[in-house]
Amino acid sequence: MARAEIKIDYDPELDAGYLALSPEQESIKQIPLNEDIIVDYGVNGEIVGIEILNLSQKTPVLIHPDEPEITPN
């Protein structure tokens, strides 16, 4: 079975993360799921990447490990 390569990037200036699910595939269409999550699709309709904006607001422990963990009420 072939192993899938996933590439993860974070841009601290833009506070945006990108999961490249198929790094060798070009994105030809982007569809926003909400104001902060955008899904990229390839030529055959497959998901090739996911962009997450304002990432530090969603994952403060991962982006800012020195800050206390936020627990749900």
Protein backbone atom coordinates (compact mmCIF):
# COMPACT_ATOMS: atom_id res chain seq x y z
CA MET A 1 0.00 0.00 0.00
CA ALA A 2 1.33 3.43 -0.95
CA ARG A 3 1.99 5.82 1.84
CA ALA A 4 0.34 9.25 1.61
CA GLU A 5 2.48 12.30 2.22
CA ILE A 6 0.88 15.12 4.19
CA LYS A 7 2.68 18.42 4.54
CA ILE A 8 1.80 20.86 7.33
CA ASP A 9 2.78 24.53 7.17
CA TYR A 10 2.18 27.43 9.54
CA ASP A 11 2.68 31.11 8.72
CA PRO A 12 2.90 33.09 11.98
CA GLU A 13 2.56 36.46 10.21
CA LEU A 14 -0.78 35.44 8.68
CA ASP A 15 -1.67 33.11 11.58
CA ALA A 16 -2.66 30.53 8.98
CA GLY A 17 -2.06 26.82 8.81
CA TYR A 18 -2.17 24.65 5.70
CA LEU A 19 -2.55 20.89 5.47
CA ALA A 20 -1.37 19.75 2.05
CA LEU A 21 -3.04 16.35 1.73
CA SER A 22 -1.64 15.81 -1.76
CA PRO A 23 1.38 18.12 -2.01
CA GLU A 24 2.05 17.12 -5.63
CA GLN A 25 -1.51 18.03 -6.73
CA GLU A 26 -2.46 21.52 -7.85
CA SER A 27 -5.49 23.20 -6.32
CA ILE A 28 -7.94 24.35 -8.99
CA LYS A 29 -10.92 25.23 -6.80
CA GLN A 30 -11.31 26.61 -3.28
CA ILE A 31 -14.50 26.36 -1.26
CA PRO A 32 -14.82 28.11 2.11
CA LEU A 33 -16.55 26.01 4.78
CA ASN A 34 -16.77 29.06 7.04
CA GLU A 35 -14.86 32.33 7.47
CA ASP A 36 -11.72 30.53 8.69
CA ILE A 37 -11.59 27.18 6.88
CA ILE A 38 -11.04 26.81 3.14
CA VAL A 39 -10.90 23.47 1.33
CA ASP A 40 -8.81 23.16 -1.83
CA TYR A 41 -9.87 20.70 -4.54
CA GLY A 42 -7.81 19.13 -7.33
CA VAL A 43 -8.65 18.44 -10.97
CA ASN A 44 -10.53 15.23 -10.17
CA GLY A 45 -12.58 16.76 -7.35
CA GLU A 46 -10.40 15.32 -4.59
CA ILE A 47 -9.46 17.37 -1.54
CA VAL A 48 -5.81 18.37 -1.91
CA GLY A 49 -5.51 20.79 1.01
CA ILE A 50 -7.16 22.58 3.89
CA GLU A 51 -6.32 26.13 4.99
CA ILE A 52 -7.17 27.27 8.51
CA LEU A 53 -7.09 31.00 9.20
CA ASN A 54 -6.73 32.52 12.69
CA LEU A 55 -5.19 29.23 13.78
CA SER A 56 -3.82 30.44 17.11
CA GLN A 57 -7.38 31.28 18.22
CA LYS A 58 -8.41 27.69 17.57
CA THR A 59 -5.35 25.88 18.89
CA PRO A 60 -3.68 28.09 21.51
CA VAL A 61 -1.87 25.16 23.16
CA LEU A 62 -0.26 24.05 19.91
CA ILE A 63 0.70 27.50 18.68
CA HIS A 64 1.49 29.02 22.10
CA PRO A 65 2.63 26.11 24.32
CA ASP A 66 3.50 28.42 27.25
CA GLU A 67 -0.08 29.61 27.64
CA PRO A 68 -2.46 27.66 29.89
CA GLU A 69 -4.68 25.11 28.21
CA ILE A 70 -8.25 26.16 27.54
CA THR A 71 -10.81 23.67 28.81
CA PRO A 72 -14.46 23.59 27.71
CA ASN A 73 -17.10 24.62 30.29
